Amino acid sequence: MSASQFFKIFRIILFAVFVVCVAGIVFVCVVFSSPQVMQQTIMSGANTFLKDISLRDLVIESQACYFPKEFIFAEVSGTLERDKEIYEFRFEAIQLSDILKLIFFQDGTTLEIRNGSLKASSFRLDGLDAQLRHQDQKQWSGPVSVSEAESQGLHAANIRAQIVIKSKEVAIPDISADAYQGKVAGNGYLYFLPSAHYAAQGVLEGIDTKGMEEVHPSLFSQIHGRISGMIEIQGQFGGIEHAQLDVGLGKDGEIQAALLESLLAYIPQSVQKQNLAVAIQNNSRVRLKDARLKLADQDSETVSADIQFQSEELNLDVNLIVDIIV
């Protein structure tokens, strides 16, 4: 090959590289200057690479590009569908910073979500804020907060958590929330394969069961008090398949007198026995002292309750096991 031929081929290669670079820059400029083009690009990419998840109805009201430092998307909304379940989302703003670090396999890209909401048939999250940082080339981690959450009628507020997002799971090593005039703290995991499910354990402090009576009347109409202790739950998103509870009921705990009806045969004739019979007949409650409650689900409809308590008004010191239909 002569020198002239070599330089001719070299010029062709340089021109081709130049054309590709210009085309790439034009594409990036078009995409990041037009919310409509960005919407279509994101939906096409998501529906191509996300398995079993469909993204649709994506709307980006406005966007700003400060390439390559940061990208800001405002008033983002849309829906996701997975296994026939529809998830609606809306974010006031999404900011992605230092994206080149992600492209060149470096740590440090950050994702900030402001004032988001997520809703499905079984749960709702409002006031979602997150500050996540990409690290170790395979995960995102950082603080997340939610102002209000609801699942199957149960409510929580002022949720604060540290999360670690990986390809197949989300770890939540630290979470706290306010609920029913009390507090909850603990940890948990969200799993995406083979199906979306979760597992969590936590500590309850001063949770008022009266606030949950409307949600699960068959259970919390039987037992009243401010519960403190341990809880473990797991199940599919939006539901509970397995639960265990080991709590104290506090000094003002009460139990529905009808749950003690089986004890009448073992209590000798006394004023206390008469008082219990009257309480059962009147469908009233019995005040407890030093009460402890252990709950464990037997199946989807039955909860086994182990109730240990003392009652001064009935002169009882009891360890009672009953099954409650929920």
C-alpha atoms as a PDB file:
ATOM      1  CA  MET A   1       0.000   0.000   0.000  1.00  0.00           C
ATOM      2  CA  SER A   2       1.375   3.390  -1.011  1.00  0.00           C
ATOM      3  CA  ALA A   3       1.496   6.386   1.324  1.00  0.00           C
ATOM      4  CA  SER A   4      -1.145   8.208  -0.730  1.00  0.00           C
ATOM      5  CA  GLN A   5      -3.532   5.282  -0.482  1.00  0.00           C
ATOM      6  CA  PHE A   6      -2.938   5.039   3.269  1.00  0.00           C
ATOM      7  CA  PHE A   7      -3.740   8.727   3.862  1.00  0.00           C
ATOM      8  CA  LYS A   8      -6.780   8.470   1.603  1.00  0.00           C
ATOM      9  CA  ILE A   9      -8.178   5.594   3.702  1.00  0.00           C
ATOM     10  CA  PHE A  10      -7.225   7.448   6.890  1.00  0.00           C
ATOM     11  CA  ARG A  11      -9.159  10.543   5.710  1.00  0.00           C
ATOM     12  CA  ILE A  12     -12.205   8.374   4.940  1.00  0.00           C
ATOM     13  CA  ILE A  13     -12.035   6.853   8.440  1.00  0.00           C
ATOM     14  CA  LEU A  14     -11.715  10.308  10.041  1.00  0.00           C
ATOM     15  CA  PHE A  15     -14.674  11.568   8.012  1.00  0.00           C
ATOM     16  CA  ALA A  16     -16.764   8.553   9.056  1.00  0.00           C
ATOM     17  CA  VAL A  17     -15.867   9.110  12.716  1.00  0.00           C
ATOM     18  CA  PHE A  18     -16.744  12.790  12.330  1.00  0.00           C
ATOM     19  CA  VAL A  19     -20.129  11.945  10.787  1.00  0.00           C
ATOM     20  CA  VAL A  20     -20.898   9.476  13.573  1.00  0.00           C
ATOM     21  CA  CYS A  21     -19.921  11.990  16.268  1.00  0.00           C
ATOM     22  CA  VAL A  22     -21.976  14.764  14.667  1.00  0.00           C
ATOM     23  CA  ALA A  23     -24.940  12.421  14.295  1.00  0.00           C
ATOM     24  CA  GLY A  24     -24.574  11.397  17.930  1.00  0.00           C
ATOM     25  CA  ILE A  25     -24.405  15.008  19.102  1.00  0.00           C
ATOM     26  CA  VAL A  26     -27.426  15.931  16.975  1.00  0.00           C
ATOM     27  CA  PHE A  27     -29.350  12.954  18.355  1.00  0.00           C
ATOM     28  CA  VAL A  28     -28.477  13.886  21.952  1.00  0.00           C
ATOM     29  CA  CYS A  29     -29.435  17.516  21.366  1.00  0.00           C
ATOM     30  CA  VAL A  30     -32.756  16.552  19.769  1.00  0.00           C
ATOM     31  CA  VAL A  31     -33.596  14.069  22.505  1.00  0.00           C
ATOM     32  CA  PHE A  32     -32.714  16.404  25.372  1.00  0.00           C
ATOM     33  CA  SER A  33     -34.337  19.455  23.837  1.00  0.00           C
ATOM     34  CA  SER A  34     -37.702  17.822  23.158  1.00  0.00           C
ATOM     35  CA  PRO A  35     -39.779  16.245  25.953  1.00  0.00           C
ATOM     36  CA  GLN A  36     -41.853  14.398  23.336  1.00  0.00           C
ATOM     37  CA  VAL A  37     -38.791  12.779  21.755  1.00  0.00           C
ATOM     38  CA  MET A  38     -37.435  11.942  25.216  1.00  0.00           C
ATOM     39  CA  GLN A  39     -40.758  10.306  26.150  1.00  0.00           C
ATOM     40  CA  GLN A  40     -40.669   8.054  23.093  1.00  0.00           C
ATOM     41  CA  THR A  41     -36.972   7.246  23.569  1.00  0.00           C
ATOM     42  CA  ILE A  42     -37.448   6.239  27.223  1.00  0.00           C
ATOM     43  CA  MET A  43     -40.561   4.154  26.519  1.00  0.00           C
ATOM     44  CA  SER A  44     -38.892   2.358  23.595  1.00  0.00           C
ATOM     45  CA  GLY A  45     -35.790   1.610  25.658  1.00  0.00           C
ATOM     46  CA  ALA A  46     -37.725   0.520  28.734  1.00  0.00           C
ATOM     47  CA  ASN A  47     -40.078  -1.765  26.842  1.00  0.00           C
ATOM     48  CA  THR A  48     -37.115  -3.308  25.005  1.00  0.00           C
ATOM     49  CA  PHE A  49     -34.879  -4.029  27.989  1.00  0.00           C
ATOM     50  CA  LEU A  50     -37.268  -4.423  30.946  1.00  0.00           C
ATOM     51  CA  LYS A  51     -38.586  -7.979  31.176  1.00  0.00           C
ATOM     52  CA  ASP A  52     -42.272  -8.499  32.059  1.00  0.00           C
ATOM     53  CA  ILE A  53     -42.744  -4.742  32.614  1.00  0.00           C
ATOM     54  CA  SER A  54     -44.584  -2.414  30.267  1.00  0.00           C
ATOM     55  CA  LEU A  55     -44.097   1.374  30.453  1.00  0.00           C
ATOM     56  CA  ARG A  56     -46.792   3.483  28.841  1.00  0.00           C
ATOM     57  CA  ASP A  57     -48.487   6.889  28.893  1.00  0.00           C
ATOM     58  CA  LEU A  58     -45.200   8.549  29.850  1.00  0.00           C
ATOM     59  CA  VAL A  59     -45.474  12.350  30.017  1.00  0.00           C
ATOM     60  CA  ILE A  60     -42.601  14.798  30.608  1.00  0.00           C
ATOM     61  CA  GLU A  61     -43.922  18.347  30.862  1.00  0.00           C
ATOM     62  CA  SER A  62     -40.502  20.004  30.589  1.00  0.00           C
ATOM     63  CA  GLN A  63     -36.797  19.209  30.724  1.00  0.00           C
ATOM     64  CA  ALA A  64     -33.435  20.935  30.916  1.00  0.00           C
ATOM     65  CA  CYS A  65     -30.095  19.564  29.712  1.00  0.00           C
ATOM     66  CA  TYR A  66     -26.740  20.807  31.007  1.00  0.00           C
ATOM     67  CA  PHE A  67     -24.655  18.203  29.239  1.00  0.00           C
ATOM     68  CA  PRO A  68     -22.790  16.374  30.586  1.00  0.00           C
ATOM     69  CA  LYS A  69     -23.260  17.622  34.154  1.00  0.00           C
ATOM     70  CA  GLU A  70     -26.966  17.150  34.789  1.00  0.00           C
ATOM     71  CA  PHE A  71     -30.388  16.509  33.292  1.00  0.00           C
ATOM     72  CA  ILE A  72     -33.608  17.737  34.925  1.00  0.00           C
ATOM     73  CA  PHE A  73     -37.088  16.455  34.076  1.00  0.00           C
ATOM     74  CA  ALA A  74     -40.156  18.211  35.533  1.00  0.00           C
ATOM     75  CA  GLU A  75     -43.706  16.941  36.070  1.00  0.00           C
ATOM     76  CA  VAL A  76     -43.104  13.354  35.000  1.00  0.00           C
ATOM     77  CA  SER A  77     -46.019  10.901  35.011  1.00  0.00           C
ATOM     78  CA  GLY A  78     -47.006   7.569  33.534  1.00  0.00           C
ATOM     79  CA  THR A  79     -47.998   3.980  34.238  1.00  0.00           C
ATOM     80  CA  LEU A  80     -46.201   0.660  34.590  1.00  0.00           C
ATOM     81  CA  GLU A  81     -47.851  -2.727  34.104  1.00  0.00           C
ATOM     82  CA  ARG A  82     -46.540  -5.986  35.524  1.00  0.00           C
ATOM     83  CA  ASP A  83     -48.532  -9.218  35.855  1.00  0.00           C
ATOM     84  CA  LYS A  84     -51.750  -7.297  35.049  1.00  0.00           C
ATOM     85  CA  GLU A  85     -51.135  -4.932  37.991  1.00  0.00           C
ATOM     86  CA  ILE A  86     -51.143  -1.230  37.071  1.00  0.00           C
ATOM     87  CA  TYR A  87     -48.781   1.178  38.859  1.00  0.00           C
ATOM     88  CA  GLU A  88     -49.370   4.898  38.385  1.00  0.00           C
ATOM     89  CA  PHE A  89     -46.516   7.292  39.118  1.00  0.00           C
ATOM     90  CA  ARG A  90     -45.989  11.046  39.168  1.00  0.00           C
ATOM     91  CA  PHE A  91     -42.880  13.053  40.099  1.00  0.00           C
ATOM     92  CA  GLU A  92     -42.521  16.786  40.474  1.00  0.00           C
ATOM     93  CA  ALA A  93     -38.891  16.578  39.376  1.00  0.00           C
ATOM     94  CA  ILE A  94     -36.190  14.020  38.522  1.00  0.00           C
ATOM     95  CA  GLN A  95     -32.569  15.137  38.391  1.00  0.00           C
ATOM     96  CA  LEU A  96     -29.729  12.986  37.058  1.00  0.00           C
ATOM     97  CA  SER A  97     -26.182  14.277  37.662  1.00  0.00           C
ATOM     98  CA  ASP A  98     -22.745  13.173  36.419  1.00  0.00           C
ATOM     99  CA  ILE A  99     -24.217  10.714  33.926  1.00  0.00           C
ATOM    100  CA  LEU A 100     -20.892  10.266  32.104  1.00  0.00           C
ATOM    101  CA  LYS A 101     -19.573   8.417  35.151  1.00  0.00           C
ATOM    102  CA  LEU A 102     -22.325   5.858  34.677  1.00  0.00           C
ATOM    103  CA  ILE A 103     -21.625   5.561  30.942  1.00  0.00           C
ATOM    104  CA  PHE A 104     -17.886   5.010  31.535  1.00  0.00           C
ATOM    105  CA  PHE A 105     -18.453   2.495  34.362  1.00  0.00           C
ATOM    106  CA  GLN A 106     -17.460   4.838  37.178  1.00  0.00           C
ATOM    107  CA  ASP A 107     -19.119   5.491  40.531  1.00  0.00           C
ATOM    108  CA  GLY A 108     -20.690   8.802  41.437  1.00  0.00           C
ATOM    109  CA  THR A 109     -23.767   9.309  39.238  1.00  0.00           C
ATOM    110  CA  THR A 110     -26.619  10.633  41.404  1.00  0.00           C
ATOM    111  CA  LEU A 111     -30.385  10.416  41.005  1.00  0.00           C
ATOM    112  CA  GLU A 112     -32.672  12.788  42.899  1.00  0.00           C
ATOM    113  CA  ILE A 113     -36.448  12.377  43.010  1.00  0.00           C
ATOM    114  CA  ARG A 114     -38.633  15.133  44.428  1.00  0.00           C
ATOM    115  CA  ASN A 115     -42.245  14.996  45.594  1.00  0.00           C
ATOM    116  CA  GLY A 116     -43.275  11.774  43.899  1.00  0.00           C
ATOM    117  CA  SER A 117     -46.313   9.543  44.235  1.00  0.00           C
ATOM    118  CA  LEU A 118     -46.871   5.876  43.414  1.00  0.00           C
ATOM    119  CA  LYS A 119     -50.277   4.192  43.396  1.00  0.00           C
ATOM    120  CA  ALA A 120     -51.609   0.702  42.713  1.00  0.00           C
ATOM    121  CA  SER A 121     -54.748  -1.191  43.677  1.00  0.00           C
ATOM    122  CA  SER A 122     -53.182  -2.426  46.928  1.00  0.00           C
ATOM    123  CA  PHE A 123     -51.047   0.505  48.109  1.00  0.00           C
ATOM    124  CA  ARG A 124     -50.323   4.218  47.807  1.00  0.00           C
ATOM    125  CA  LEU A 125     -47.209   6.350  48.467  1.00  0.00           C
ATOM    126  CA  ASP A 126     -47.284  10.172  48.574  1.00  0.00           C
ATOM    127  CA  GLY A 127     -44.545  12.748  49.084  1.00  0.00           C
ATOM    128  CA  LEU A 128     -41.748  10.473  47.868  1.00  0.00           C
ATOM    129  CA  ASP A 129     -38.248  11.996  47.932  1.00  0.00           C
ATOM    130  CA  ALA A 130     -34.995  10.155  47.225  1.00  0.00           C
ATOM    131  CA  GLN A 131     -31.287  10.914  46.828  1.00  0.00           C
ATOM    132  CA  LEU A 132     -29.541   7.896  45.345  1.00  0.00           C
ATOM    133  CA  ARG A 133     -25.908   7.446  44.361  1.00  0.00           C
ATOM    134  CA  HIS A 134     -24.578   4.819  41.960  1.00  0.00           C
ATOM    135  CA  GLN A 135     -21.716   2.811  43.447  1.00  0.00           C
ATOM    136  CA  ASP A 136     -19.798  -0.438  43.054  1.00  0.00           C
ATOM    137  CA  GLN A 137     -20.943  -0.486  39.399  1.00  0.00           C
ATOM    138  CA  LYS A 138     -24.061  -2.456  40.318  1.00  0.00           C
ATOM    139  CA  GLN A 139     -26.226  -0.693  42.886  1.00  0.00           C
ATOM    140  CA  TRP A 140     -27.872   2.578  43.926  1.00  0.00           C
ATOM    141  CA  SER A 141     -28.094   3.612  47.573  1.00  0.00           C
ATOM    142  CA  GLY A 142     -29.154   6.554  49.683  1.00  0.00           C
ATOM    143  CA  PRO A 143     -31.916   8.079  51.821  1.00  0.00           C
ATOM    144  CA  VAL A 144     -35.604   7.887  50.897  1.00  0.00           C
ATOM    145  CA  SER A 145     -38.552   9.558  52.607  1.00  0.00           C
ATOM    146  CA  VAL A 146     -42.322   9.242  52.175  1.00  0.00           C
ATOM    147  CA  SER A 147     -44.768  11.670  53.778  1.00  0.00           C
ATOM    148  CA  GLU A 148     -47.756   9.268  53.724  1.00  0.00           C
ATOM    149  CA  ALA A 149     -48.312   5.609  52.855  1.00  0.00           C
ATOM    150  CA  GLU A 150     -51.336   3.314  52.831  1.00  0.00           C
ATOM    151  CA  SER A 151     -51.640  -0.429  52.194  1.00  0.00           C
ATOM    152  CA  GLN A 152     -54.824  -2.467  52.616  1.00  0.00           C
ATOM    153  CA  GLY A 153     -56.291   0.277  54.781  1.00  0.00           C
ATOM    154  CA  LEU A 154     -53.290   0.552  57.115  1.00  0.00           C
ATOM    155  CA  HIS A 155     -51.628   3.971  57.279  1.00  0.00           C
ATOM    156  CA  ALA A 156     -48.155   5.312  58.129  1.00  0.00           C
ATOM    157  CA  ALA A 157     -46.545   8.748  57.897  1.00  0.00           C
ATOM    158  CA  ASN A 158     -43.143  10.449  58.048  1.00  0.00           C
ATOM    159  CA  ILE A 159     -41.355   7.364  56.707  1.00  0.00           C
ATOM    160  CA  ARG A 160     -37.563   7.590  56.615  1.00  0.00           C
ATOM    161  CA  ALA A 161     -35.332   4.862  55.200  1.00  0.00           C
ATOM    162  CA  GLN A 162     -31.902   4.016  53.862  1.00  0.00           C
ATOM    163  CA  ILE A 163     -32.145   1.770  50.805  1.00  0.00           C
ATOM    164  CA  VAL A 164     -29.805  -0.209  48.567  1.00  0.00           C
ATOM    165  CA  ILE A 165     -31.184  -1.040  45.101  1.00  0.00           C
ATOM    166  CA  LYS A 166     -29.694  -4.025  43.285  1.00  0.00           C
ATOM    167  CA  SER A 167     -30.739  -5.815  40.104  1.00  0.00           C
ATOM    168  CA  LYS A 168     -32.974  -8.372  41.820  1.00  0.00           C
ATOM    169  CA  GLU A 169     -33.768  -6.863  45.207  1.00  0.00           C
ATOM    170  CA  VAL A 170     -34.017  -3.747  47.330  1.00  0.00           C
ATOM    171  CA  ALA A 171     -32.479  -3.875  50.797  1.00  0.00           C
ATOM    172  CA  ILE A 172     -33.812  -1.520  53.481  1.00  0.00           C
ATOM    173  CA  PRO A 173     -31.376  -1.830  56.390  1.00  0.00           C
ATOM    174  CA  ASP A 174     -32.947   1.035  58.339  1.00  0.00           C
ATOM    175  CA  ILE A 175     -36.527   2.347  58.289  1.00  0.00           C
ATOM    176  CA  SER A 176     -38.683   4.336  60.708  1.00  0.00           C
ATOM    177  CA  ALA A 177     -42.239   5.705  60.585  1.00  0.00           C
ATOM    178  CA  ASP A 178     -45.091   7.165  62.594  1.00  0.00           C
ATOM    179  CA  ALA A 179     -48.252   5.049  62.818  1.00  0.00           C
ATOM    180  CA  TYR A 180     -51.388   5.195  64.946  1.00  0.00           C
ATOM    181  CA  GLN A 181     -49.944   7.577  67.555  1.00  0.00           C
ATOM    182  CA  GLY A 182     -46.863   5.375  67.885  1.00  0.00           C
ATOM    183  CA  LYS A 183     -43.627   4.576  66.083  1.00  0.00           C
ATOM    184  CA  VAL A 184     -42.218   1.745  63.977  1.00  0.00           C
ATOM    185  CA  ALA A 185     -38.543   0.980  63.276  1.00  0.00           C
ATOM    186  CA  GLY A 186     -36.941  -1.960  61.520  1.00  0.00           C
ATOM    187  CA  ASN A 187     -35.547  -3.351  58.283  1.00  0.00           C
ATOM    188  CA  GLY A 188     -36.690  -5.311  55.264  1.00  0.00           C
ATOM    189  CA  TYR A 189     -36.190  -6.569  51.717  1.00  0.00           C
ATOM    190  CA  LEU A 190     -38.124  -6.242  48.469  1.00  0.00           C
ATOM    191  CA  TYR A 191     -37.598  -9.015  45.928  1.00  0.00           C
ATOM    192  CA  PHE A 192     -38.477  -8.867  42.226  1.00  0.00           C
ATOM    193  CA  LEU A 193     -37.888 -12.501  41.200  1.00  0.00           C
ATOM    194  CA  PRO A 194     -39.533 -14.914  40.699  1.00  0.00           C
ATOM    195  CA  SER A 195     -42.370 -12.539  41.678  1.00  0.00           C
ATOM    196  CA  ALA A 196     -42.603  -9.247  43.532  1.00  0.00           C
ATOM    197  CA  HIS A 197     -42.642  -9.928  47.285  1.00  0.00           C
ATOM    198  CA  TYR A 198     -41.211  -8.599  50.540  1.00  0.00           C
ATOM    199  CA  ALA A 199     -40.037  -9.562  54.023  1.00  0.00           C
ATOM    200  CA  ALA A 200     -39.701  -7.209  56.998  1.00  0.00           C
ATOM    201  CA  GLN A 201     -39.176  -7.184  60.728  1.00  0.00           C
ATOM    202  CA  GLY A 202     -39.454  -4.324  63.157  1.00  0.00           C
ATOM    203  CA  VAL A 203     -40.043  -2.894  66.597  1.00  0.00           C
ATOM    204  CA  LEU A 204     -43.380  -1.288  67.505  1.00  0.00           C
ATOM    205  CA  GLU A 205     -43.655   1.391  70.173  1.00  0.00           C
ATOM    206  CA  GLY A 206     -46.968   2.675  71.512  1.00  0.00           C
ATOM    207  CA  ILE A 207     -49.141   1.709  68.528  1.00  0.00           C
ATOM    208  CA  ASP A 208     -52.826   2.361  69.357  1.00  0.00           C
ATOM    209  CA  THR A 209     -54.883  -0.622  68.138  1.00  0.00           C
ATOM    210  CA  LYS A 210     -58.105   1.420  68.184  1.00  0.00           C
ATOM    211  CA  GLY A 211     -56.952   3.156  65.015  1.00  0.00           C
ATOM    212  CA  MET A 212     -56.754  -0.198  63.206  1.00  0.00           C
ATOM    213  CA  GLU A 213     -60.181  -1.464  64.254  1.00  0.00           C
ATOM    214  CA  GLU A 214     -61.893  -0.238  61.070  1.00  0.00           C
ATOM    215  CA  VAL A 215     -59.322  -2.051  58.912  1.00  0.00           C
ATOM    216  CA  HIS A 216     -59.364  -5.417  60.733  1.00  0.00           C
ATOM    217  CA  PRO A 217     -62.413  -5.306  63.038  1.00  0.00           C
ATOM    218  CA  SER A 218     -62.450  -9.061  63.688  1.00  0.00           C
ATOM    219  CA  LEU A 219     -59.025  -8.800  65.324  1.00  0.00           C
ATOM    220  CA  PHE A 220     -58.637  -5.307  66.758  1.00  0.00           C
ATOM    221  CA  SER A 221     -62.198  -5.106  68.097  1.00  0.00           C
ATOM    222  CA  GLN A 222     -61.225  -8.023  70.359  1.00  0.00           C
ATOM    223  CA  ILE A 223     -58.037  -6.523  71.796  1.00  0.00           C
ATOM    224  CA  HIS A 224     -57.453  -2.864  72.676  1.00  0.00           C
ATOM    225  CA  GLY A 225     -54.313  -1.142  73.925  1.00  0.00           C
ATOM    226  CA  ARG A 226     -51.066   0.524  72.964  1.00  0.00           C
ATOM    227  CA  ILE A 227     -48.849  -2.273  71.736  1.00  0.00           C
ATOM    228  CA  SER A 228     -45.056  -2.319  71.924  1.00  0.00           C
ATOM    229  CA  GLY A 229     -42.846  -5.197  70.826  1.00  0.00           C
ATOM    230  CA  MET A 230     -41.679  -7.174  67.785  1.00  0.00           C
ATOM    231  CA  ILE A 231     -43.338  -7.856  64.424  1.00  0.00           C
ATOM    232  CA  GLU A 232     -42.372  -9.944  61.387  1.00  0.00           C
ATOM    233  CA  ILE A 233     -44.322  -9.921  58.113  1.00  0.00           C
ATOM    234  CA  GLN A 234     -43.880 -11.165  54.552  1.00  0.00           C
ATOM    235  CA  GLY A 235     -45.953 -11.534  51.426  1.00  0.00           C
ATOM    236  CA  GLN A 236     -46.692 -10.302  47.924  1.00  0.00           C
ATOM    237  CA  PHE A 237     -46.688  -6.547  47.299  1.00  0.00           C
ATOM    238  CA  GLY A 238     -49.775  -4.974  48.868  1.00  0.00           C
ATOM    239  CA  GLY A 239     -50.696  -8.027  50.956  1.00  0.00           C
ATOM    240  CA  ILE A 240     -49.660 -10.056  54.017  1.00  0.00           C
ATOM    241  CA  GLU A 241     -49.152 -13.808  53.674  1.00  0.00           C
ATOM    242  CA  HIS A 242     -47.335 -14.480  56.931  1.00  0.00           C
ATOM    243  CA  ALA A 243     -47.177 -12.472  60.152  1.00  0.00           C
ATOM    244  CA  GLN A 244     -45.928 -12.897  63.702  1.00  0.00           C
ATOM    245  CA  LEU A 245     -46.456 -10.452  66.539  1.00  0.00           C
ATOM    246  CA  ASP A 246     -45.058 -10.492  70.083  1.00  0.00           C
ATOM    247  CA  VAL A 247     -46.094  -7.383  71.994  1.00  0.00           C
ATOM    248  CA  GLY A 248     -47.126  -5.999  75.355  1.00  0.00           C
ATOM    249  CA  LEU A 249     -50.510  -4.281  75.575  1.00  0.00           C
ATOM    250  CA  GLY A 250     -49.513  -1.592  78.064  1.00  0.00           C
ATOM    251  CA  LYS A 251     -51.202  -0.599  81.309  1.00  0.00           C
ATOM    252  CA  ASP A 252     -54.533   0.306  79.661  1.00  0.00           C
ATOM    253  CA  GLY A 253     -54.925  -2.898  77.648  1.00  0.00           C
ATOM    254  CA  GLU A 254     -58.367  -4.445  77.311  1.00  0.00           C
ATOM    255  CA  ILE A 255     -59.745  -7.687  75.904  1.00  0.00           C
ATOM    256  CA  GLN A 256     -63.240  -8.539  74.697  1.00  0.00           C
ATOM    257  CA  ALA A 257     -64.878 -10.501  77.530  1.00  0.00           C
ATOM    258  CA  ALA A 258     -66.300 -13.050  75.066  1.00  0.00           C
ATOM    259  CA  LEU A 259     -62.763 -14.357  74.434  1.00  0.00           C
ATOM    260  CA  LEU A 260     -62.687 -15.508  78.081  1.00  0.00           C
ATOM    261  CA  GLU A 261     -65.950 -17.438  77.951  1.00  0.00           C
ATOM    262  CA  SER A 262     -64.127 -20.774  77.909  1.00  0.00           C
ATOM    263  CA  LEU A 263     -62.655 -19.931  81.333  1.00  0.00           C
ATOM    264  CA  LEU A 264     -66.017 -19.839  83.095  1.00  0.00           C
ATOM    265  CA  ALA A 265     -66.005 -23.623  83.559  1.00  0.00           C
ATOM    266  CA  TYR A 266     -62.719 -23.437  85.480  1.00  0.00           C
ATOM    267  CA  ILE A 267     -63.488 -20.487  87.767  1.00  0.00           C
ATOM    268  CA  PRO A 268     -65.090 -21.391  91.103  1.00  0.00           C
ATOM    269  CA  GLN A 269     -68.324 -19.698  92.110  1.00  0.00           C
ATOM    270  CA  SER A 270     -67.376 -16.199  93.132  1.00  0.00           C
ATOM    271  CA  VAL A 271     -68.095 -12.526  92.571  1.00  0.00           C
ATOM    272  CA  GLN A 272     -65.365 -12.527  89.891  1.00  0.00           C
ATOM    273  CA  LYS A 273     -67.086 -15.343  87.969  1.00  0.00           C
ATOM    274  CA  GLN A 274     -70.374 -13.464  88.106  1.00  0.00           C
ATOM    275  CA  ASN A 275     -68.647 -10.291  86.901  1.00  0.00           C
ATOM    276  CA  LEU A 276     -67.119 -12.151  83.960  1.00  0.00           C
ATOM    277  CA  ALA A 277     -70.469 -13.698  83.015  1.00  0.00           C
ATOM    278  CA  VAL A 278     -72.117 -10.272  83.074  1.00  0.00           C
ATOM    279  CA  ALA A 279     -69.297  -8.774  80.970  1.00  0.00           C
ATOM    280  CA  ILE A 280     -69.701 -11.542  78.388  1.00  0.00           C
ATOM    281  CA  GLN A 281     -73.451 -11.047  78.295  1.00  0.00           C
ATOM    282  CA  ASN A 282     -73.062  -7.277  77.848  1.00  0.00           C
ATOM    283  CA  ASN A 283     -70.363  -7.708  75.181  1.00  0.00           C
ATOM    284  CA  SER A 284     -68.015  -5.489  77.173  1.00  0.00           C
ATOM    285  CA  ARG A 285     -64.249  -5.510  77.698  1.00  0.00           C
ATOM    286  CA  VAL A 286     -62.073  -6.567  80.603  1.00  0.00           C
ATOM    287  CA  ARG A 287     -59.173  -4.373  81.707  1.00  0.00           C
ATOM    288  CA  LEU A 288     -55.828  -6.195  81.756  1.00  0.00           C
ATOM    289  CA  LYS A 289     -52.640  -5.861  83.767  1.00  0.00           C
ATOM    290  CA  ASP A 290     -49.208  -6.887  82.491  1.00  0.00           C
ATOM    291  CA  ALA A 291     -50.756  -8.273  79.308  1.00  0.00           C
ATOM    292  CA  ARG A 292     -48.671  -9.862  76.553  1.00  0.00           C
ATOM    293  CA  LEU A 293     -49.977 -10.853  73.151  1.00  0.00           C
ATOM    294  CA  LYS A 294     -48.485 -13.240  70.614  1.00  0.00           C
ATOM    295  CA  LEU A 295     -50.126 -13.542  67.195  1.00  0.00           C
ATOM    296  CA  ALA A 296     -49.260 -15.996  64.414  1.00  0.00           C
ATOM    297  CA  ASP A 297     -51.221 -16.703  61.257  1.00  0.00           C
ATOM    298  CA  GLN A 298     -52.382 -20.298  60.785  1.00  0.00           C
ATOM    299  CA  ASP A 299     -53.823 -19.745  57.311  1.00  0.00           C
ATOM    300  CA  SER A 300     -55.209 -16.907  55.197  1.00  0.00           C
ATOM    301  CA  GLU A 301     -58.327 -16.655  57.384  1.00  0.00           C
ATOM    302  CA  THR A 302     -57.247 -17.636  60.911  1.00  0.00           C
ATOM    303  CA  VAL A 303     -54.899 -16.021  63.442  1.00  0.00           C
ATOM    304  CA  SER A 304     -53.770 -17.867  66.566  1.00  0.00           C
ATOM    305  CA  ALA A 305     -53.595 -15.557  69.590  1.00  0.00           C
ATOM    306  CA  ASP A 306     -51.623 -16.449  72.736  1.00  0.00           C
ATOM    307  CA  ILE A 307     -52.711 -13.981  75.439  1.00  0.00           C
ATOM    308  CA  GLN A 308     -50.906 -13.863  78.779  1.00  0.00           C
ATOM    309  CA  PHE A 309     -52.398 -11.457  81.287  1.00  0.00           C
ATOM    310  CA  GLN A 310     -53.478 -10.628  84.803  1.00  0.00           C
ATOM    311  CA  SER A 311     -56.842  -9.081  85.644  1.00  0.00           C
ATOM    312  CA  GLU A 312     -57.294  -7.551  89.090  1.00  0.00           C
ATOM    313  CA  GLU A 313     -61.038  -7.021  88.621  1.00  0.00           C
ATOM    314  CA  LEU A 314     -61.521 -10.730  87.842  1.00  0.00           C
ATOM    315  CA  ASN A 315     -58.640 -11.969  90.022  1.00  0.00           C
ATOM    316  CA  LEU A 316     -57.218 -13.929  87.099  1.00  0.00           C
ATOM    317  CA  ASP A 317     -53.691 -14.873  86.010  1.00  0.00           C
ATOM    318  CA  VAL A 318     -54.195 -16.471  82.602  1.00  0.00           C
ATOM    319  CA  ASN A 319     -52.375 -17.892  79.601  1.00  0.00           C
ATOM    320  CA  LEU A 320     -55.121 -18.115  76.979  1.00  0.00           C
ATOM    321  CA  ILE A 321     -54.830 -19.440  73.402  1.00  0.00           C
ATOM    322  CA  VAL A 322     -57.663 -18.629  71.000  1.00  0.00           C
ATOM    323  CA  ASP A 323     -58.177 -18.676  67.220  1.00  0.00           C
ATOM    324  CA  ILE A 324     -59.548 -15.509  65.626  1.00  0.00           C
ATOM    325  CA  ILE A 325     -61.150 -15.480  62.174  1.00  0.00           C
ATOM    326  CA  VAL A 326     -59.829 -12.429  60.292  1.00  0.00           C
END
